[in-house]
């Protein structure tokens, strides 16, 4: 998979995960308990992880692919 395709997939996941968070912020207060756990434990961490991956994913890949000299 090319880097452009993976970046596009990550961007779309990030955007889709941010939609429920915007609904959580703009919803009436009495409807918040209905979907607060999903927002706190699924959507927000997923959005943060995809955002960090888009921002510093190249550093993580470089650290993981570093091989010690024999």
PDB file of N, CA and C in Angstrom:
ATOM      1  N   UNK A   1       0.855  -1.166   0.000  1.00  0.00           N
ATOM      2  CA  UNK A   1       0.000   0.000   0.000  1.00  0.00           C
ATOM      3  C   UNK A   1       0.903   1.231   0.000  1.00  0.00           C
ATOM      4  N   UNK A   2       0.626   2.141  -0.875  1.00  0.00           N
ATOM      5  CA  UNK A   2       1.450   3.344  -0.955  1.00  0.00           C
ATOM      6  C   UNK A   2       1.141   4.278   0.215  1.00  0.00           C
ATOM      7  N   UNK A   3       2.039   5.212   0.436  1.00  0.00           N
ATOM      8  CA  UNK A   3       1.849   6.137   1.557  1.00  0.00           C
ATOM      9  C   UNK A   3       0.660   7.066   1.312  1.00  0.00           C
ATOM     10  N   UNK A   4       0.391   7.391   0.064  1.00  0.00           N
ATOM     11  CA  UNK A   4      -0.749   8.269  -0.239  1.00  0.00           C
ATOM     12  C   UNK A   4      -2.069   7.577   0.086  1.00  0.00           C
ATOM     13  N   UNK A   5      -2.169   6.287  -0.211  1.00  0.00           N
ATOM     14  CA  UNK A   5      -3.396   5.543   0.080  1.00  0.00           C
ATOM     15  C   UNK A   5      -3.582   5.398   1.581  1.00  0.00           C
ATOM     16  N   UNK A   6      -2.514   5.057   2.294  1.00  0.00           N
ATOM     17  CA  UNK A   6      -2.648   4.895   3.748  1.00  0.00           C
ATOM     18  C   UNK A   6      -2.974   6.227   4.419  1.00  0.00           C
ATOM     19  N   UNK A   7      -2.406   7.316   3.916  1.00  0.00           N
ATOM     20  CA  UNK A   7      -2.710   8.645   4.462  1.00  0.00           C
ATOM     21  C   UNK A   7      -4.165   9.015   4.206  1.00  0.00           C
ATOM     22  N   UNK A   8      -4.671   8.675   3.042  1.00  0.00           N
ATOM     23  CA  UNK A   8      -6.064   8.964   2.712  1.00  0.00           C
ATOM     24  C   UNK A   8      -7.013   8.144   3.583  1.00  0.00           C
ATOM     25  N   UNK A   9      -6.707   6.879   3.790  1.00  0.00           N
ATOM     26  CA  UNK A   9      -7.535   6.024   4.654  1.00  0.00           C
ATOM     27  C   UNK A   9      -7.535   6.554   6.076  1.00  0.00           C
ATOM     28  N   UNK A  10      -6.365   6.917   6.564  1.00  0.00           N
ATOM     29  CA  UNK A  10      -6.256   7.441   7.930  1.00  0.00           C
ATOM     30  C   UNK A  10      -7.020   8.753   8.068  1.00  0.00           C
ATOM     31  N   UNK A  11      -6.958   9.589   7.060  1.00  0.00           N
ATOM     32  CA  UNK A  11      -7.679  10.862   7.093  1.00  0.00           C
ATOM     33  C   UNK A  11      -9.183  10.650   7.124  1.00  0.00           C
ATOM     34  N   UNK A  12      -9.687   9.702   6.319  1.00  0.00           N
ATOM     35  CA  UNK A  12     -11.116   9.431   6.307  1.00  0.00           C
ATOM     36  C   UNK A  12     -11.585   8.829   7.624  1.00  0.00           C
ATOM     37  N   UNK A  13     -10.791   7.939   8.213  1.00  0.00           N
ATOM     38  CA  UNK A  13     -11.149   7.377   9.522  1.00  0.00           C
ATOM     39  C   UNK A  13     -11.203   8.494  10.551  1.00  0.00           C
ATOM     40  N   UNK A  14     -10.238   9.388  10.506  1.00  0.00           N
ATOM     41  CA  UNK A  14     -10.192  10.511  11.444  1.00  0.00           C
ATOM     42  C   UNK A  14     -11.434  11.389  11.302  1.00  0.00           C
ATOM     43  N   UNK A  15     -11.821  11.679  10.071  1.00  0.00           N
ATOM     44  CA  UNK A  15     -13.007  12.512   9.847  1.00  0.00           C
ATOM     45  C   UNK A  15     -14.292  11.810  10.282  1.00  0.00           C
ATOM     46  N   UNK A  16     -14.418  10.527   9.996  1.00  0.00           N
ATOM     47  CA  UNK A  16     -15.627   9.783  10.375  1.00  0.00           C
ATOM     48  C   UNK A  16     -15.733   9.680  11.894  1.00  0.00           C
ATOM     49  N   UNK A  17     -14.613   9.489  12.578  1.00  0.00           N
ATOM     50  CA  UNK A  17     -14.653   9.405  14.040  1.00  0.00           C
ATOM     51  C   UNK A  17     -14.926  10.756  14.694  1.00  0.00           C
ATOM     52  N   UNK A  18     -14.681  11.841  13.994  1.00  0.00           N
ATOM     53  CA  UNK A  18     -14.936  13.150  14.592  1.00  0.00           C
ATOM     54  C   UNK A  18     -16.410  13.551  14.501  1.00  0.00           C
ATOM     55  N   UNK A  19     -17.182  12.928  13.632  1.00  0.00           N
ATOM     56  CA  UNK A  19     -18.599  13.274  13.491  1.00  0.00           C
ATOM     57  C   UNK A  19     -19.381  13.021  14.784  1.00  0.00           C
ATOM     58  N   UNK A  20     -19.261  11.842  15.430  1.00  0.00           N
ATOM     59  CA  UNK A  20     -19.987  11.657  16.695  1.00  0.00           C
ATOM     60  C   UNK A  20     -19.518  12.593  17.803  1.00  0.00           C
ATOM     61  N   UNK A  21     -18.266  12.994  17.770  1.00  0.00           N
ATOM     62  CA  UNK A  21     -17.772  13.917  18.794  1.00  0.00           C
ATOM     63  C   UNK A  21     -18.411  15.291  18.621  1.00  0.00           C
ATOM     64  N   UNK A  22     -18.567  15.714  17.387  1.00  0.00           N
ATOM     65  CA  UNK A  22     -19.257  16.986  17.143  1.00  0.00           C
ATOM     66  C   UNK A  22     -20.714  16.900  17.585  1.00  0.00           C
ATOM     67  N   UNK A  23     -21.352  15.760  17.370  1.00  0.00           N
ATOM     68  CA  UNK A  23     -22.719  15.564  17.851  1.00  0.00           C
ATOM     69  C   UNK A  23     -22.786  15.565  19.364  1.00  0.00           C
ATOM     70  N   UNK A  24     -21.780  14.987  20.004  1.00  0.00           N
ATOM     71  CA  UNK A  24     -21.722  14.964  21.465  1.00  0.00           C
ATOM     72  C   UNK A  24     -21.591  16.378  22.016  1.00  0.00           C
ATOM     73  N   UNK A  25     -20.795  17.196  21.376  1.00  0.00           N
ATOM     74  CA  UNK A  25     -20.586  18.567  21.848  1.00  0.00           C
ATOM     75  C   UNK A  25     -21.833  19.413  21.647  1.00  0.00           C
ATOM     76  N   UNK A  26     -22.512  19.228  20.534  1.00  0.00           N
ATOM     77  CA  UNK A  26     -23.634  20.108  20.214  1.00  0.00           C
ATOM     78  C   UNK A  26     -24.993  19.564  20.629  1.00  0.00           C
ATOM     79  N   UNK A  27     -25.048  18.394  21.264  1.00  0.00           N
ATOM     80  CA  UNK A  27     -26.342  17.816  21.632  1.00  0.00           C
ATOM     81  C   UNK A  27     -26.862  18.427  22.939  1.00  0.00           C
ATOM     82  N   UNK A  28     -28.166  18.321  23.169  1.00  0.00           N
ATOM     83  CA  UNK A  28     -28.729  18.798  24.433  1.00  0.00           C
ATOM     84  C   UNK A  28     -28.173  17.989  25.607  1.00  0.00           C
ATOM     85  N   UNK A  29     -28.108  18.627  26.746  1.00  0.00           N
ATOM     86  CA  UNK A  29     -27.488  18.013  27.910  1.00  0.00           C
ATOM     87  C   UNK A  29     -28.199  16.741  28.359  1.00  0.00           C
ATOM     88  N   UNK A  30     -29.500  16.654  28.201  1.00  0.00           N
ATOM     89  CA  UNK A  30     -30.227  15.476  28.683  1.00  0.00           C
ATOM     90  C   UNK A  30     -29.985  14.244  27.800  1.00  0.00           C
ATOM     91  N   UNK A  31     -29.466  14.396  26.601  1.00  0.00           N
ATOM     92  CA  UNK A  31     -29.191  13.255  25.726  1.00  0.00           C
ATOM     93  C   UNK A  31     -27.746  12.778  25.813  1.00  0.00           C
ATOM     94  N   UNK A  32     -26.898  13.452  26.561  1.00  0.00           N
ATOM     95  CA  UNK A  32     -25.490  13.078  26.658  1.00  0.00           C
ATOM     96  C   UNK A  32     -25.253  11.700  27.276  1.00  0.00           C
ATOM     97  N   UNK A  33     -25.921  11.310  28.351  1.00  0.00           N
ATOM     98  CA  UNK A  33     -25.621   9.993  28.926  1.00  0.00           C
ATOM     99  C   UNK A  33     -25.881   8.828  27.980  1.00  0.00           C
ATOM    100  N   UNK A  34     -26.687   9.008  26.962  1.00  0.00           N
ATOM    101  CA  UNK A  34     -27.004   7.922  26.041  1.00  0.00           C
ATOM    102  C   UNK A  34     -25.818   7.433  25.238  1.00  0.00           C
ATOM    103  N   UNK A  35     -24.969   8.329  24.803  1.00  0.00           N
ATOM    104  CA  UNK A  35     -23.830   7.890  24.002  1.00  0.00           C
ATOM    105  C   UNK A  35     -22.501   8.451  24.498  1.00  0.00           C
ATOM    106  N   UNK A  36     -22.432   8.819  25.757  1.00  0.00           N
ATOM    107  CA  UNK A  36     -21.180   9.304  26.327  1.00  0.00           C
ATOM    108  C   UNK A  36     -20.111   8.214  26.408  1.00  0.00           C
ATOM    109  N   UNK A  37     -20.434   6.971  26.822  1.00  0.00           N
ATOM    110  CA  UNK A  37     -19.370   5.961  26.887  1.00  0.00           C
ATOM    111  C   UNK A  37     -18.739   5.653  25.525  1.00  0.00           C
ATOM    112  N   UNK A  38     -19.563   5.571  24.480  1.00  0.00           N
ATOM    113  CA  UNK A  38     -18.999   5.300  23.156  1.00  0.00           C
ATOM    114  C   UNK A  38     -18.091   6.445  22.714  1.00  0.00           C
ATOM    115  N   UNK A  39     -18.507   7.661  23.008  1.00  0.00           N
ATOM    116  CA  UNK A  39     -17.707   8.813  22.614  1.00  0.00           C
ATOM    117  C   UNK A  39     -16.402   8.856  23.387  1.00  0.00           C
ATOM    118  N   UNK A  40     -16.464   8.576  24.681  1.00  0.00           N
ATOM    119  CA  UNK A  40     -15.262   8.649  25.513  1.00  0.00           C
ATOM    120  C   UNK A  40     -14.276   7.531  25.235  1.00  0.00           C
ATOM    121  N   UNK A  41     -14.768   6.316  24.998  1.00  0.00           N
ATOM    122  CA  UNK A  41     -13.880   5.161  24.939  1.00  0.00           C
ATOM    123  C   UNK A  41     -13.634   4.615  23.543  1.00  0.00           C
ATOM    124  N   UNK A  42     -14.370   5.065  22.534  1.00  0.00           N
ATOM    125  CA  UNK A  42     -14.175   4.561  21.177  1.00  0.00           C
ATOM    126  C   UNK A  42     -13.818   5.699  20.226  1.00  0.00           C
ATOM    127  N   UNK A  43     -14.728   6.667  20.076  1.00  0.00           N
ATOM    128  CA  UNK A  43     -14.550   7.694  19.060  1.00  0.00           C
ATOM    129  C   UNK A  43     -13.397   8.643  19.365  1.00  0.00           C
ATOM    130  N   UNK A  44     -13.327   9.145  20.588  1.00  0.00           N
ATOM    131  CA  UNK A  44     -12.269  10.100  20.913  1.00  0.00           C
ATOM    132  C   UNK A  44     -10.879   9.469  20.880  1.00  0.00           C
ATOM    133  N   UNK A  45     -10.653   8.311  21.517  1.00  0.00           N
ATOM    134  CA  UNK A  45      -9.314   7.707  21.398  1.00  0.00           C
ATOM    135  C   UNK A  45      -8.951   7.339  19.963  1.00  0.00           C
ATOM    136  N   UNK A  46      -9.927   6.873  19.195  1.00  0.00           N
ATOM    137  CA  UNK A  46      -9.644   6.559  17.797  1.00  0.00           C
ATOM    138  C   UNK A  46      -9.259   7.790  17.010  1.00  0.00           C
ATOM    139  N   UNK A  47      -9.943   8.890  17.253  1.00  0.00           N
ATOM    140  CA  UNK A  47      -9.620  10.128  16.563  1.00  0.00           C
ATOM    141  C   UNK A  47      -8.234  10.635  16.978  1.00  0.00           C
ATOM    142  N   UNK A  48      -7.919  10.538  18.249  1.00  0.00           N
ATOM    143  CA  UNK A  48      -6.601  10.976  18.721  1.00  0.00           C
ATOM    144  C   UNK A  48      -5.497  10.117  18.112  1.00  0.00           C
ATOM    145  N   UNK A  49      -5.691   8.800  18.083  1.00  0.00           N
ATOM    146  CA  UNK A  49      -4.668   7.920  17.525  1.00  0.00           C
ATOM    147  C   UNK A  49      -4.461   8.147  16.031  1.00  0.00           C
ATOM    148  N   UNK A  50      -5.539   8.321  15.286  1.00  0.00           N
ATOM    149  CA  UNK A  50      -5.363   8.581  13.859  1.00  0.00           C
ATOM    150  C   UNK A  50      -4.728   9.946  13.620  1.00  0.00           C
ATOM    151  N   UNK A  51      -5.069  10.924  14.444  1.00  0.00           N
ATOM    152  CA  UNK A  51      -4.438  12.236  14.316  1.00  0.00           C
ATOM    153  C   UNK A  51      -2.953  12.182  14.622  1.00  0.00           C
ATOM    154  N   UNK A  52      -2.587  11.463  15.677  1.00  0.00           N
ATOM    155  CA  UNK A  52      -1.169  11.310  15.997  1.00  0.00           C
ATOM    156  C   UNK A  52      -0.440  10.532  14.918  1.00  0.00           C
ATOM    157  N   UNK A  53      -1.101   9.530  14.349  1.00  0.00           N
ATOM    158  CA  UNK A  53      -0.477   8.742  13.287  1.00  0.00           C
ATOM    159  C   UNK A  53      -0.221   9.608  12.050  1.00  0.00           C
ATOM    160  N   UNK A  54      -1.195  10.465  11.702  1.00  0.00           N
ATOM    161  CA  UNK A  54      -0.986  11.353  10.558  1.00  0.00           C
ATOM    162  C   UNK A  54       0.118  12.368  10.840  1.00  0.00           C
ATOM    163  N   UNK A  55       0.251  12.760  12.108  1.00  0.00           N
ATOM    164  CA  UNK A  55       1.223  13.774  12.463  1.00  0.00           C
ATOM    165  C   UNK A  55       2.630  13.195  12.604  1.00  0.00           C
ATOM    166  N   UNK A  56       2.772  12.113  13.384  1.00  0.00           N
ATOM    167  CA  UNK A  56       4.091  11.564  13.699  1.00  0.00           C
ATOM    168  C   UNK A  56       4.231  10.080  13.366  1.00  0.00           C
ATOM    169  N   UNK A  57       3.444   9.584  12.446  1.00  0.00           N
ATOM    170  CA  UNK A  57       3.531   8.180  12.077  1.00  0.00           C
ATOM    171  C   UNK A  57       4.850   7.819  11.440  1.00  0.00           C
ATOM    172  N   UNK A  58       5.437   8.745  10.701  1.00  0.00           N
ATOM    173  CA  UNK A  58       6.723   8.471  10.070  1.00  0.00           C
ATOM    174  C   UNK A  58       7.819   8.246  11.106  1.00  0.00           C
ATOM    175  N   UNK A  59       7.740   8.910  12.245  1.00  0.00           N
ATOM    176  CA  UNK A  59       8.727   8.725  13.305  1.00  0.00           C
ATOM    177  C   UNK A  59       8.574   7.341  13.933  1.00  0.00           C
ATOM    178  N   UNK A  60       7.333   6.920  14.146  1.00  0.00           N
ATOM    179  CA  UNK A  60       7.074   5.593  14.719  1.00  0.00           C
ATOM    180  C   UNK A  60       7.586   4.508  13.778  1.00  0.00           C
ATOM    181  N   UNK A  61       7.311   4.651  12.499  1.00  0.00           N
ATOM    182  CA  UNK A  61       7.796   3.668  11.534  1.00  0.00           C
ATOM    183  C   UNK A  61       9.314   3.631  11.477  1.00  0.00           C
ATOM    184  N   UNK A  62       9.939   4.787  11.573  1.00  0.00           N
ATOM    185  CA  UNK A  62      11.398   4.822  11.567  1.00  0.00           C
ATOM    186  C   UNK A  62      11.972   4.153  12.808  1.00  0.00           C
ATOM    187  N   UNK A  63      11.337   4.352  13.965  1.00  0.00           N
ATOM    188  CA  UNK A  63      11.814   3.714  15.187  1.00  0.00           C
ATOM    189  C   UNK A  63      11.607   2.205  15.155  1.00  0.00           C
ATOM    190  N   UNK A  64      10.488   1.773  14.582  1.00  0.00           N
ATOM    191  CA  UNK A  64      10.214   0.335  14.517  1.00  0.00           C
ATOM    192  C   UNK A  64      11.079  -0.374  13.478  1.00  0.00           C
ATOM    193  N   UNK A  65      11.467   0.304  12.438  1.00  0.00           N
ATOM    194  CA  UNK A  65      12.249  -0.348  11.394  1.00  0.00           C
ATOM    195  C   UNK A  65      13.752  -0.243  11.627  1.00  0.00           C
ATOM    196  N   UNK A  66      14.154   0.445  12.661  1.00  0.00           N
ATOM    197  CA  UNK A  66      15.584   0.589  12.959  1.00  0.00           C
ATOM    198  C   UNK A  66      16.146  -0.745  13.416  1.00  0.00           C
ATOM    199  N   UNK A  67      17.167  -1.192  12.739  1.00  0.00           N
ATOM    200  CA  UNK A  67      17.793  -2.470  13.092  1.00  0.00           C
ATOM    201  C   UNK A  67      19.175  -2.185  13.666  1.00  0.00           C
ATOM    202  N   UNK A  68      19.515  -2.873  14.759  1.00  0.00           N
ATOM    203  CA  UNK A  68      20.841  -2.653  15.339  1.00  0.00           C
ATOM    204  C   UNK A  68      21.932  -3.217  14.423  1.00  0.00           C
ATOM    205  N   UNK A  69      23.086  -2.607  14.475  1.00  0.00           N
ATOM    206  CA  UNK A  69      24.207  -3.097  13.677  1.00  0.00           C
ATOM    207  C   UNK A  69      24.761  -4.366  14.283  1.00  0.00           C
ATOM    208  N   UNK A  70      25.085  -5.372  13.449  1.00  0.00           N
ATOM    209  CA  UNK A  70      25.612  -6.644  13.997  1.00  0.00           C
ATOM    210  C   UNK A  70      27.046  -6.523  14.440  1.00  0.00           C
TER     211      UNK A  70
END
